[in-house]
Structure formats: structure tokens, C-alpha cells
């Protein structure tokens, strides 16, 4: 797992590379919650380089989503492959998160 963080004009973009599974979900969750606890108002998670996400990864997203709600922050997911989108749809996670097609679209709506 590699997480690249980039400060954009209207949000912080976290690009996820590789797999988010039981061995990497803690690292993923700590990075996400760290951004939110630091007061980041808009976090865009770019999943274009995500190869796989397990239930442990989904759990971390749920925790981050709850934290974002508590802090009045916005968490947006973008750039999902069809396979990743299928996993989100199967688990009904696509109903819990704002999911946009591209990073540009996510950034335009985070301002």
C-alpha cells in the first residue's frame, strides 16, 4: 500500500495505490483519521490506483466517514475502477459515500 497526499486548492487528495486489506487497513485508517482530526475540511480519496479493498478497508472508510460527519468535514471518493465500484455496490457502501467519476469533479464540488 502506498498513500500519496496532495494539497489541492479546495481539498486534500489522498491517492490510494495497491491493496487495502487486513495488513494495510490500519495504515490507511490512521492516515485518513489523521487528516480529519487535523481539521482538514475536504478530503478527496482517489481510488484510481486501488487494486483491492477488503472488509477491513471498508471498516476504515466507515470510521473516517463518521468522523468527517462529526467534524463537519466532507469526504468524497473518486476515480473508481468498475471492479472497485462493484465491490462498493455489493456491500451497499456506494449509498453511504459521495462517489464521483473523476478527481476534477470531486475537487470542483469540494469548494
PDB file of N, CA and C in Angstrom:
ATOM      1  N   UNK A   1       0.847  -1.186   0.000  1.00  0.00           N
ATOM      2  CA  UNK A   1       0.000   0.000   0.000  1.00  0.00           C
ATOM      3  C   UNK A   1       0.881   1.235   0.000  1.00  0.00           C
ATOM      4  N   UNK A   2       0.524   2.163  -0.869  1.00  0.00           N
ATOM      5  CA  UNK A   2       1.177   3.474  -0.860  1.00  0.00           C
ATOM      6  C   UNK A   2       0.074   4.525  -0.872  1.00  0.00           C
ATOM      7  N   UNK A   3       0.232   5.524  -0.012  1.00  0.00           N
ATOM      8  CA  UNK A   3      -0.733   6.614   0.071  1.00  0.00           C
ATOM      9  C   UNK A   3      -0.021   7.907  -0.275  1.00  0.00           C
ATOM     10  N   UNK A   4      -0.475   8.580  -1.317  1.00  0.00           N
ATOM     11  CA  UNK A   4       0.094   9.864  -1.716  1.00  0.00           C
ATOM     12  C   UNK A   4      -0.883  10.966  -1.330  1.00  0.00           C
ATOM     13  N   UNK A   5      -0.364  11.959  -0.638  1.00  0.00           N
ATOM     14  CA  UNK A   5      -1.195  13.075  -0.192  1.00  0.00           C
ATOM     15  C   UNK A   5      -0.804  14.322  -0.961  1.00  0.00           C
ATOM     16  N   UNK A   6      -1.814  15.041  -1.412  1.00  0.00           N
ATOM     17  CA  UNK A   6      -1.582  16.246  -2.206  1.00  0.00           C
ATOM     18  C   UNK A   6      -2.567  17.322  -1.775  1.00  0.00           C
ATOM     19  N   UNK A   7      -2.039  18.493  -1.498  1.00  0.00           N
ATOM     20  CA  UNK A   7      -2.909  19.619  -1.146  1.00  0.00           C
ATOM     21  C   UNK A   7      -3.359  20.286  -2.429  1.00  0.00           C
ATOM     22  N   UNK A   8      -4.650  20.234  -2.702  1.00  0.00           N
ATOM     23  CA  UNK A   8      -5.231  20.925  -3.847  1.00  0.00           C
ATOM     24  C   UNK A   8      -5.811  22.236  -3.320  1.00  0.00           C
ATOM     25  N   UNK A   9      -6.316  23.051  -4.217  1.00  0.00           N
ATOM     26  CA  UNK A   9      -6.834  24.360  -3.823  1.00  0.00           C
ATOM     27  C   UNK A   9      -8.001  24.251  -2.839  1.00  0.00           C
ATOM     28  N   UNK A  10      -8.899  23.285  -3.067  1.00  0.00           N
ATOM     29  CA  UNK A  10     -10.108  23.213  -2.260  1.00  0.00           C
ATOM     30  C   UNK A  10     -10.166  21.994  -1.344  1.00  0.00           C
ATOM     31  N   UNK A  11      -9.181  21.101  -1.426  1.00  0.00           N
ATOM     32  CA  UNK A  11      -9.251  19.860  -0.649  1.00  0.00           C
ATOM     33  C   UNK A  11      -7.872  19.231  -0.520  1.00  0.00           C
ATOM     34  N   UNK A  12      -7.793  18.235   0.341  1.00  0.00           N
ATOM     35  CA  UNK A  12      -6.608  17.384   0.390  1.00  0.00           C
ATOM     36  C   UNK A  12      -6.968  16.100  -0.331  1.00  0.00           C
ATOM     37  N   UNK A  13      -6.133  15.699  -1.286  1.00  0.00           N
ATOM     38  CA  UNK A  13      -6.387  14.492  -2.060  1.00  0.00           C
ATOM     39  C   UNK A  13      -5.474  13.386  -1.540  1.00  0.00           C
ATOM     40  N   UNK A  14      -6.071  12.256  -1.205  1.00  0.00           N
ATOM     41  CA  UNK A  14      -5.328  11.079  -0.783  1.00  0.00           C
ATOM     42  C   UNK A  14      -5.497  10.032  -1.873  1.00  0.00           C
ATOM     43  N   UNK A  15      -4.398   9.715  -2.570  1.00  0.00           N
ATOM     44  CA  UNK A  15      -4.445   8.714  -3.629  1.00  0.00           C
ATOM     45  C   UNK A  15      -3.968   7.385  -3.054  1.00  0.00           C
ATOM     46  N   UNK A  16      -4.784   6.361  -3.245  1.00  0.00           N
ATOM     47  CA  UNK A  16      -4.515   5.035  -2.697  1.00  0.00           C
ATOM     48  C   UNK A  16      -3.961   4.155  -3.812  1.00  0.00           C
ATOM     49  N   UNK A  17      -2.776   3.598  -3.581  1.00  0.00           N
ATOM     50  CA  UNK A  17      -2.135   2.693  -4.546  1.00  0.00           C
ATOM     51  C   UNK A  17      -2.041   1.305  -3.920  1.00  0.00           C
ATOM     52  N   UNK A  18      -2.501   0.289  -4.636  1.00  0.00           N
ATOM     53  CA  UNK A  18      -2.336  -1.080  -4.148  1.00  0.00           C
ATOM     54  C   UNK A  18      -3.576  -1.617  -3.465  1.00  0.00           C
ATOM     55  N   UNK A  19      -3.328  -2.387  -2.403  1.00  0.00           N
ATOM     56  CA  UNK A  19      -4.397  -3.113  -1.712  1.00  0.00           C
ATOM     57  C   UNK A  19      -4.643  -2.549  -0.321  1.00  0.00           C
ATOM     58  N   UNK A  20      -5.918  -2.413   0.026  1.00  0.00           N
ATOM     59  CA  UNK A  20      -6.292  -2.078   1.401  1.00  0.00           C
ATOM     60  C   UNK A  20      -6.960  -3.336   1.952  1.00  0.00           C
ATOM     61  N   UNK A  21      -6.211  -4.071   2.759  1.00  0.00           N
ATOM     62  CA  UNK A  21      -6.711  -5.325   3.315  1.00  0.00           C
ATOM     63  C   UNK A  21      -6.360  -5.389   4.790  1.00  0.00           C
ATOM     64  N   UNK A  22      -6.450  -6.571   5.380  1.00  0.00           N
ATOM     65  CA  UNK A  22      -6.248  -6.680   6.830  1.00  0.00           C
ATOM     66  C   UNK A  22      -4.842  -6.253   7.251  1.00  0.00           C
ATOM     67  N   UNK A  23      -3.865  -6.376   6.385  1.00  0.00           N
ATOM     68  CA  UNK A  23      -2.500  -5.997   6.769  1.00  0.00           C
ATOM     69  C   UNK A  23      -2.192  -4.515   6.517  1.00  0.00           C
ATOM     70  N   UNK A  24      -2.997  -3.841   5.715  1.00  0.00           N
ATOM     71  CA  UNK A  24      -2.715  -2.435   5.395  1.00  0.00           C
ATOM     72  C   UNK A  24      -3.822  -1.469   5.827  1.00  0.00           C
ATOM     73  N   UNK A  25      -4.945  -1.996   6.280  1.00  0.00           N
ATOM     74  CA  UNK A  25      -6.079  -1.120   6.593  1.00  0.00           C
ATOM     75  C   UNK A  25      -5.769  -0.179   7.752  1.00  0.00           C
ATOM     76  N   UNK A  26      -4.958  -0.618   8.715  1.00  0.00           N
ATOM     77  CA  UNK A  26      -4.637   0.251   9.846  1.00  0.00           C
ATOM     78  C   UNK A  26      -3.895   1.497   9.364  1.00  0.00           C
ATOM     79  N   UNK A  27      -2.919   1.300   8.477  1.00  0.00           N
ATOM     80  CA  UNK A  27      -2.163   2.424   7.914  1.00  0.00           C
ATOM     81  C   UNK A  27      -3.110   3.375   7.169  1.00  0.00           C
ATOM     82  N   UNK A  28      -4.003   2.808   6.374  1.00  0.00           N
ATOM     83  CA  UNK A  28      -4.984   3.596   5.622  1.00  0.00           C
ATOM     84  C   UNK A  28      -5.889   4.384   6.571  1.00  0.00           C
ATOM     85  N   UNK A  29      -6.419   3.708   7.577  1.00  0.00           N
ATOM     86  CA  UNK A  29      -7.322   4.351   8.521  1.00  0.00           C
ATOM     87  C   UNK A  29      -6.649   5.451   9.321  1.00  0.00           C
ATOM     88  N   UNK A  30      -5.412   5.209   9.756  1.00  0.00           N
ATOM     89  CA  UNK A  30      -4.690   6.219  10.533  1.00  0.00           C
ATOM     90  C   UNK A  30      -4.421   7.471   9.712  1.00  0.00           C
ATOM     91  N   UNK A  31      -4.101   7.284   8.436  1.00  0.00           N
ATOM     92  CA  UNK A  31      -3.836   8.438   7.573  1.00  0.00           C
ATOM     93  C   UNK A  31      -5.100   9.256   7.363  1.00  0.00           C
ATOM     94  N   UNK A  32      -6.215   8.554   7.111  1.00  0.00           N
ATOM     95  CA  UNK A  32      -7.495   9.235   6.900  1.00  0.00           C
ATOM     96  C   UNK A  32      -7.963   9.965   8.153  1.00  0.00           C
ATOM     97  N   UNK A  33      -7.970   9.276   9.282  1.00  0.00           N
ATOM     98  CA  UNK A  33      -8.431   9.914  10.508  1.00  0.00           C
ATOM     99  C   UNK A  33      -7.478  11.029  10.926  1.00  0.00           C
ATOM    100  N   UNK A  34      -6.194  10.868  10.628  1.00  0.00           N
ATOM    101  CA  UNK A  34      -5.232  11.927  10.927  1.00  0.00           C
ATOM    102  C   UNK A  34      -5.552  13.208  10.185  1.00  0.00           C
ATOM    103  N   UNK A  35      -5.904  13.079   8.916  1.00  0.00           N
ATOM    104  CA  UNK A  35      -6.282  14.258   8.126  1.00  0.00           C
ATOM    105  C   UNK A  35      -7.514  14.938   8.724  1.00  0.00           C
ATOM    106  N   UNK A  36      -8.501  14.135   9.076  1.00  0.00           N
ATOM    107  CA  UNK A  36      -9.747  14.691   9.608  1.00  0.00           C
ATOM    108  C   UNK A  36      -9.545  15.292  10.994  1.00  0.00           C
ATOM    109  N   UNK A  37      -8.758  14.623  11.833  1.00  0.00           N
ATOM    110  CA  UNK A  37      -8.503  15.143  13.176  1.00  0.00           C
ATOM    111  C   UNK A  37      -7.669  16.422  13.133  1.00  0.00           C
ATOM    112  N   UNK A  38      -6.887  16.588  12.069  1.00  0.00           N
ATOM    113  CA  UNK A  38      -6.089  17.805  11.913  1.00  0.00           C
ATOM    114  C   UNK A  38      -6.948  18.986  11.441  1.00  0.00           C
ATOM    115  N   UNK A  39      -8.224  18.715  11.166  1.00  0.00           N
ATOM    116  CA  UNK A  39      -9.124  19.797  10.768  1.00  0.00           C
ATOM    117  C   UNK A  39      -9.260  19.993   9.275  1.00  0.00           C
ATOM    118  N   UNK A  40      -8.813  19.037   8.481  1.00  0.00           N
ATOM    119  CA  UNK A  40      -8.959  19.143   7.032  1.00  0.00           C
ATOM    120  C   UNK A  40     -10.448  19.148   6.686  1.00  0.00           C
ATOM    121  N   UNK A  41     -10.951  20.219   6.038  1.00  0.00           N
ATOM    122  CA  UNK A  41     -12.397  20.315   5.807  1.00  0.00           C
ATOM    123  C   UNK A  41     -12.914  19.449   4.658  1.00  0.00           C
ATOM    124  N   UNK A  42     -12.066  19.182   3.665  1.00  0.00           N
ATOM    125  CA  UNK A  42     -12.484  18.399   2.500  1.00  0.00           C
ATOM    126  C   UNK A  42     -11.392  17.395   2.164  1.00  0.00           C
ATOM    127  N   UNK A  43     -11.754  16.118   2.180  1.00  0.00           N
ATOM    128  CA  UNK A  43     -10.809  15.066   1.823  1.00  0.00           C
ATOM    129  C   UNK A  43     -11.375  14.320   0.620  1.00  0.00           C
ATOM    130  N   UNK A  44     -10.582  14.264  -0.440  1.00  0.00           N
ATOM    131  CA  UNK A  44     -10.933  13.506  -1.639  1.00  0.00           C
ATOM    132  C   UNK A  44     -10.054  12.265  -1.651  1.00  0.00           C
ATOM    133  N   UNK A  45     -10.676  11.094  -1.712  1.00  0.00           N
ATOM    134  CA  UNK A  45      -9.927   9.839  -1.774  1.00  0.00           C
ATOM    135  C   UNK A  45      -9.989   9.344  -3.213  1.00  0.00           C
ATOM    136  N   UNK A  46      -8.826   9.387  -3.869  1.00  0.00           N
ATOM    137  CA  UNK A  46      -8.720   8.952  -5.267  1.00  0.00           C
ATOM    138  C   UNK A  46      -8.403   7.461  -5.272  1.00  0.00           C
ATOM    139  N   UNK A  47      -9.339   6.672  -5.774  1.00  0.00           N
ATOM    140  CA  UNK A  47      -9.195   5.215  -5.765  1.00  0.00           C
ATOM    141  C   UNK A  47      -8.810   4.655  -7.132  1.00  0.00           C
ATOM    142  N   UNK A  48      -8.313   5.492  -8.009  1.00  0.00           N
ATOM    143  CA  UNK A  48      -7.953   5.057  -9.358  1.00  0.00           C
ATOM    144  C   UNK A  48      -6.833   4.028  -9.399  1.00  0.00           C
ATOM    145  N   UNK A  49      -5.985   4.000  -8.386  1.00  0.00           N
ATOM    146  CA  UNK A  49      -4.869   3.047  -8.344  1.00  0.00           C
ATOM    147  C   UNK A  49      -5.108   1.936  -7.312  1.00  0.00           C
ATOM    148  N   UNK A  50      -6.331   1.877  -6.772  1.00  0.00           N
ATOM    149  CA  UNK A  50      -6.675   0.833  -5.805  1.00  0.00           C
ATOM    150  C   UNK A  50      -6.843  -0.494  -6.537  1.00  0.00           C
ATOM    151  N   UNK A  51      -6.149  -1.515  -6.054  1.00  0.00           N
ATOM    152  CA  UNK A  51      -6.265  -2.836  -6.663  1.00  0.00           C
ATOM    153  C   UNK A  51      -7.329  -3.691  -5.980  1.00  0.00           C
ATOM    154  N   UNK A  52      -7.488  -3.486  -4.668  1.00  0.00           N
ATOM    155  CA  UNK A  52      -8.411  -4.325  -3.896  1.00  0.00           C
ATOM    156  C   UNK A  52      -8.708  -3.644  -2.568  1.00  0.00           C
ATOM    157  N   UNK A  53      -9.933  -3.806  -2.083  1.00  0.00           N
ATOM    158  CA  UNK A  53     -10.280  -3.346  -0.741  1.00  0.00           C
ATOM    159  C   UNK A  53     -11.080  -4.450  -0.062  1.00  0.00           C
ATOM    160  N   UNK A  54     -10.675  -4.785   1.161  1.00  0.00           N
ATOM    161  CA  UNK A  54     -11.334  -5.841   1.924  1.00  0.00           C
ATOM    162  C   UNK A  54     -12.320  -5.227   2.909  1.00  0.00           C
ATOM    163  N   UNK A  55     -12.972  -6.079   3.668  1.00  0.00           N
ATOM    164  CA  UNK A  55     -13.909  -5.589   4.688  1.00  0.00           C
ATOM    165  C   UNK A  55     -13.189  -4.722   5.715  1.00  0.00           C
ATOM    166  N   UNK A  56     -11.925  -5.019   5.990  1.00  0.00           N
ATOM    167  CA  UNK A  56     -11.154  -4.190   6.926  1.00  0.00           C
ATOM    168  C   UNK A  56     -10.968  -2.779   6.359  1.00  0.00           C
ATOM    169  N   UNK A  57     -10.752  -2.668   5.064  1.00  0.00           N
ATOM    170  CA  UNK A  57     -10.633  -1.364   4.422  1.00  0.00           C
ATOM    171  C   UNK A  57     -11.942  -0.602   4.431  1.00  0.00           C
ATOM    172  N   UNK A  58     -13.049  -1.319   4.172  1.00  0.00           N
ATOM    173  CA  UNK A  58     -14.365  -0.682   4.232  1.00  0.00           C
ATOM    174  C   UNK A  58     -14.654  -0.174   5.644  1.00  0.00           C
ATOM    175  N   UNK A  59     -14.238  -0.942   6.636  1.00  0.00           N
ATOM    176  CA  UNK A  59     -14.447  -0.528   8.031  1.00  0.00           C
ATOM    177  C   UNK A  59     -13.733   0.800   8.300  1.00  0.00           C
ATOM    178  N   UNK A  60     -12.520   0.937   7.801  1.00  0.00           N
ATOM    179  CA  UNK A  60     -11.769   2.179   7.996  1.00  0.00           C
ATOM    180  C   UNK A  60     -12.461   3.352   7.295  1.00  0.00           C
ATOM    181  N   UNK A  61     -13.026   3.106   6.123  1.00  0.00           N
ATOM    182  CA  UNK A  61     -13.771   4.154   5.433  1.00  0.00           C
ATOM    183  C   UNK A  61     -14.997   4.573   6.234  1.00  0.00           C
ATOM    184  N   UNK A  62     -15.685   3.596   6.825  1.00  0.00           N
ATOM    185  CA  UNK A  62     -16.861   3.911   7.638  1.00  0.00           C
ATOM    186  C   UNK A  62     -16.480   4.747   8.857  1.00  0.00           C
ATOM    187  N   UNK A  63     -15.390   4.379   9.514  1.00  0.00           N
ATOM    188  CA  UNK A  63     -14.914   5.134  10.676  1.00  0.00           C
ATOM    189  C   UNK A  63     -14.568   6.564  10.258  1.00  0.00           C
ATOM    190  N   UNK A  64     -13.864   6.701   9.136  1.00  0.00           N
ATOM    191  CA  UNK A  64     -13.497   8.035   8.646  1.00  0.00           C
ATOM    192  C   UNK A  64     -14.738   8.835   8.251  1.00  0.00           C
ATOM    193  N   UNK A  65     -15.707   8.171   7.644  1.00  0.00           N
ATOM    194  CA  UNK A  65     -16.944   8.850   7.264  1.00  0.00           C
ATOM    195  C   UNK A  65     -17.694   9.384   8.470  1.00  0.00           C
ATOM    196  N   UNK A  66     -17.738   8.585   9.527  1.00  0.00           N
ATOM    197  CA  UNK A  66     -18.388   9.013  10.765  1.00  0.00           C
ATOM    198  C   UNK A  66     -17.653  10.205  11.377  1.00  0.00           C
ATOM    199  N   UNK A  67     -16.325  10.123  11.382  1.00  0.00           N
ATOM    200  CA  UNK A  67     -15.515  11.211  11.934  1.00  0.00           C
ATOM    201  C   UNK A  67     -15.709  12.500  11.121  1.00  0.00           C
ATOM    202  N   UNK A  68     -15.755  12.355   9.800  1.00  0.00           N
ATOM    203  CA  UNK A  68     -15.980  13.526   8.940  1.00  0.00           C
ATOM    204  C   UNK A  68     -17.328  14.170   9.277  1.00  0.00           C
ATOM    205  N   UNK A  69     -18.356  13.355   9.445  1.00  0.00           N
ATOM    206  CA  UNK A  69     -19.683  13.878   9.798  1.00  0.00           C
ATOM    207  C   UNK A  69     -19.638  14.624  11.130  1.00  0.00           C
ATOM    208  N   UNK A  70     -18.964  14.035  12.112  1.00  0.00           N
ATOM    209  CA  UNK A  70     -18.872  14.660  13.439  1.00  0.00           C
ATOM    210  C   UNK A  70     -18.155  16.005  13.380  1.00  0.00           C
ATOM    211  N   UNK A  71     -17.193  16.121  12.491  1.00  0.00           N
ATOM    212  CA  UNK A  71     -16.378  17.329  12.422  1.00  0.00           C
ATOM    213  C   UNK A  71     -16.862  18.318  11.366  1.00  0.00           C
ATOM    214  N   UNK A  72     -17.943  17.977  10.687  1.00  0.00           N
ATOM    215  CA  UNK A  72     -18.465  18.869   9.651  1.00  0.00           C
ATOM    216  C   UNK A  72     -17.576  18.914   8.421  1.00  0.00           C
ATOM    217  N   UNK A  73     -16.806  17.859   8.205  1.00  0.00           N
ATOM    218  CA  UNK A  73     -15.920  17.778   7.037  1.00  0.00           C
ATOM    219  C   UNK A  73     -16.626  17.006   5.927  1.00  0.00           C
ATOM    220  N   UNK A  74     -16.059  17.099   4.737  1.00  0.00           N
ATOM    221  CA  UNK A  74     -16.618  16.378   3.594  1.00  0.00           C
ATOM    222  C   UNK A  74     -15.606  15.346   3.120  1.00  0.00           C
ATOM    223  N   UNK A  75     -16.091  14.125   2.950  1.00  0.00           N
ATOM    224  CA  UNK A  75     -15.274  13.017   2.458  1.00  0.00           C
ATOM    225  C   UNK A  75     -15.873  12.572   1.135  1.00  0.00           C
ATOM    226  N   UNK A  76     -15.081  12.622   0.063  1.00  0.00           N
ATOM    227  CA  UNK A  76     -15.565  12.265  -1.267  1.00  0.00           C
ATOM    228  C   UNK A  76     -14.634  11.221  -1.868  1.00  0.00           C
ATOM    229  N   UNK A  77     -15.201  10.200  -2.476  1.00  0.00           N
ATOM    230  CA  UNK A  77     -14.418   9.172  -3.160  1.00  0.00           C
ATOM    231  C   UNK A  77     -14.524   9.415  -4.661  1.00  0.00           C
ATOM    232  N   UNK A  78     -13.443   9.124  -5.377  1.00  0.00           N
ATOM    233  CA  UNK A  78     -13.499   9.337  -6.826  1.00  0.00           C
ATOM    234  C   UNK A  78     -12.597   8.361  -7.571  1.00  0.00           C
ATOM    235  N   UNK A  79     -12.791   8.356  -8.898  1.00  0.00           N
ATOM    236  CA  UNK A  79     -11.899   7.664  -9.819  1.00  0.00           C
ATOM    237  C   UNK A  79     -11.888   6.147  -9.623  1.00  0.00           C
ATOM    238  N   UNK A  80     -13.035   5.561  -9.289  1.00  0.00           N
ATOM    239  CA  UNK A  80     -13.104   4.119  -9.047  1.00  0.00           C
ATOM    240  C   UNK A  80     -13.113   3.326 -10.341  1.00  0.00           C
ATOM    241  N   UNK A  81     -12.410   2.205 -10.326  1.00  0.00           N
ATOM    242  CA  UNK A  81     -12.490   1.280 -11.455  1.00  0.00           C
ATOM    243  C   UNK A  81     -13.852   0.575 -11.390  1.00  0.00           C
ATOM    244  N   UNK A  82     -14.285  -0.007 -12.495  1.00  0.00           N
ATOM    245  CA  UNK A  82     -15.552  -0.748 -12.464  1.00  0.00           C
ATOM    246  C   UNK A  82     -15.545  -1.877 -11.420  1.00  0.00           C
ATOM    247  N   UNK A  83     -14.411  -2.556 -11.249  1.00  0.00           N
ATOM    248  CA  UNK A  83     -14.325  -3.641 -10.263  1.00  0.00           C
ATOM    249  C   UNK A  83     -14.470  -3.110  -8.840  1.00  0.00           C
ATOM    250  N   UNK A  84     -13.814  -1.990  -8.563  1.00  0.00           N
ATOM    251  CA  UNK A  84     -13.931  -1.388  -7.228  1.00  0.00           C
ATOM    252  C   UNK A  84     -15.360  -0.923  -6.996  1.00  0.00           C
ATOM    253  N   UNK A  85     -15.960  -0.308  -7.997  1.00  0.00           N
ATOM    254  CA  UNK A  85     -17.346   0.156  -7.868  1.00  0.00           C
ATOM    255  C   UNK A  85     -18.281  -1.017  -7.578  1.00  0.00           C
ATOM    256  N   UNK A  86     -18.014  -2.152  -8.210  1.00  0.00           N
ATOM    257  CA  UNK A  86     -18.841  -3.345  -7.983  1.00  0.00           C
ATOM    258  C   UNK A  86     -18.763  -3.770  -6.512  1.00  0.00           C
ATOM    259  N   UNK A  87     -17.562  -3.732  -5.928  1.00  0.00           N
ATOM    260  CA  UNK A  87     -17.417  -4.080  -4.507  1.00  0.00           C
ATOM    261  C   UNK A  87     -18.205  -3.116  -3.626  1.00  0.00           C
ATOM    262  N   UNK A  88     -18.136  -1.828  -3.942  1.00  0.00           N
ATOM    263  CA  UNK A  88     -18.884  -0.822  -3.180  1.00  0.00           C
ATOM    264  C   UNK A  88     -20.386  -1.054  -3.321  1.00  0.00           C
ATOM    265  N   UNK A  89     -20.830  -1.380  -4.528  1.00  0.00           N
ATOM    266  CA  UNK A  89     -22.253  -1.610  -4.760  1.00  0.00           C
ATOM    267  C   UNK A  89     -22.738  -2.875  -4.044  1.00  0.00           C
ATOM    268  N   UNK A  90     -21.941  -3.945  -4.098  1.00  0.00           N
ATOM    269  CA  UNK A  90     -22.323  -5.203  -3.448  1.00  0.00           C
ATOM    270  C   UNK A  90     -22.527  -5.026  -1.951  1.00  0.00           C
ATOM    271  N   UNK A  91     -21.626  -4.285  -1.332  1.00  0.00           N
ATOM    272  CA  UNK A  91     -21.729  -4.059   0.104  1.00  0.00           C
ATOM    273  C   UNK A  91     -22.612  -2.885   0.477  1.00  0.00           C
ATOM    274  N   UNK A  92     -23.228  -2.276  -0.519  1.00  0.00           N
ATOM    275  CA  UNK A  92     -24.086  -1.089  -0.343  1.00  0.00           C
ATOM    276  C   UNK A  92     -23.328   0.108   0.231  1.00  0.00           C
ATOM    277  N   UNK A  93     -22.014   0.097   0.080  1.00  0.00           N
ATOM    278  CA  UNK A  93     -21.210   1.219   0.545  1.00  0.00           C
ATOM    279  C   UNK A  93     -21.362   2.430  -0.376  1.00  0.00           C
ATOM    280  N   UNK A  94     -21.772   2.184  -1.614  1.00  0.00           N
ATOM    281  CA  UNK A  94     -21.941   3.303  -2.548  1.00  0.00           C
ATOM    282  C   UNK A  94     -23.098   4.202  -2.117  1.00  0.00           C
ATOM    283  N   UNK A  95     -23.971   3.707  -1.246  1.00  0.00           N
ATOM    284  CA  UNK A  95     -25.067   4.533  -0.729  1.00  0.00           C
ATOM    285  C   UNK A  95     -24.617   5.376   0.460  1.00  0.00           C
ATOM    286  N   UNK A  96     -23.475   5.026   1.055  1.00  0.00           N
ATOM    287  CA  UNK A  96     -23.002   5.705   2.268  1.00  0.00           C
ATOM    288  C   UNK A  96     -22.003   6.822   1.988  1.00  0.00           C
ATOM    289  N   UNK A  97     -21.437   6.816   0.797  1.00  0.00           N
ATOM    290  CA  UNK A  97     -20.392   7.781   0.463  1.00  0.00           C
ATOM    291  C   UNK A  97     -20.746   8.543  -0.801  1.00  0.00           C
ATOM    292  N   UNK A  98     -20.240   9.744  -0.877  1.00  0.00           N
ATOM    293  CA  UNK A  98     -20.351  10.529  -2.113  1.00  0.00           C
ATOM    294  C   UNK A  98     -19.262  10.013  -3.041  1.00  0.00           C
ATOM    295  N   UNK A  99     -19.658   9.506  -4.186  1.00  0.00           N
ATOM    296  CA  UNK A  99     -18.719   8.929  -5.151  1.00  0.00           C
ATOM    297  C   UNK A  99     -18.870   9.670  -6.469  1.00  0.00           C
ATOM    298  N   UNK A 100     -17.762  10.234  -6.931  1.00  0.00           N
ATOM    299  CA  UNK A 100     -17.767  10.970  -8.194  1.00  0.00           C
ATOM    300  C   UNK A 100     -16.819  10.312  -9.186  1.00  0.00           C
ATOM    301  N   UNK A 101     -17.046  10.560 -10.456  1.00  0.00           N
ATOM    302  CA  UNK A 101     -16.304   9.863 -11.503  1.00  0.00           C
ATOM    303  C   UNK A 101     -14.827  10.231 -11.540  1.00  0.00           C
ATOM    304  N   UNK A 102     -14.520  11.514 -11.380  1.00  0.00           N
ATOM    305  CA  UNK A 102     -13.125  11.936 -11.566  1.00  0.00           C
ATOM    306  C   UNK A 102     -12.645  12.810 -10.413  1.00  0.00           C
ATOM    307  N   UNK A 103     -11.340  12.932 -10.326  1.00  0.00           N
ATOM    308  CA  UNK A 103     -10.725  13.804  -9.323  1.00  0.00           C
ATOM    309  C   UNK A 103     -11.146  15.251  -9.572  1.00  0.00           C
ATOM    310  N   UNK A 104     -11.146  15.673 -10.846  1.00  0.00           N
ATOM    311  CA  UNK A 104     -11.541  17.048 -11.177  1.00  0.00           C
ATOM    312  C   UNK A 104     -12.958  17.348 -10.695  1.00  0.00           C
ATOM    313  N   UNK A 105     -13.866  16.404 -10.918  1.00  0.00           N
ATOM    314  CA  UNK A 105     -15.256  16.570 -10.480  1.00  0.00           C
ATOM    315  C   UNK A 105     -15.314  16.664  -8.955  1.00  0.00           C
ATOM    316  N   UNK A 106     -14.551  15.808  -8.270  1.00  0.00           N
ATOM    317  CA  UNK A 106     -14.540  15.808  -6.796  1.00  0.00           C
ATOM    318  C   UNK A 106     -13.997  17.128  -6.261  1.00  0.00           C
ATOM    319  N   UNK A 107     -12.939  17.629  -6.884  1.00  0.00           N
ATOM    320  CA  UNK A 107     -12.361  18.887  -6.427  1.00  0.00           C
ATOM    321  C   UNK A 107     -13.302  20.064  -6.713  1.00  0.00           C
ATOM    322  N   UNK A 108     -13.982  20.025  -7.840  1.00  0.00           N
ATOM    323  CA  UNK A 108     -14.910  21.103  -8.194  1.00  0.00           C
ATOM    324  C   UNK A 108     -16.059  21.171  -7.195  1.00  0.00           C
ATOM    325  N   UNK A 109     -16.454  20.033  -6.664  1.00  0.00           N
ATOM    326  CA  UNK A 109     -17.583  20.006  -5.726  1.00  0.00           C
ATOM    327  C   UNK A 109     -17.143  20.156  -4.273  1.00  0.00           C
ATOM    328  N   UNK A 110     -15.836  20.230  -4.024  1.00  0.00           N
ATOM    329  CA  UNK A 110     -15.391  20.348  -2.630  1.00  0.00           C
ATOM    330  C   UNK A 110     -15.178  21.807  -2.218  1.00  0.00           C
ATOM    331  N   UNK A 111     -15.281  22.706  -3.171  1.00  0.00           N
ATOM    332  CA  UNK A 111     -15.012  24.112  -2.868  1.00  0.00           C
ATOM    333  C   UNK A 111     -16.149  24.861  -2.285  1.00  0.00           C
TER     334      UNK A 111
END
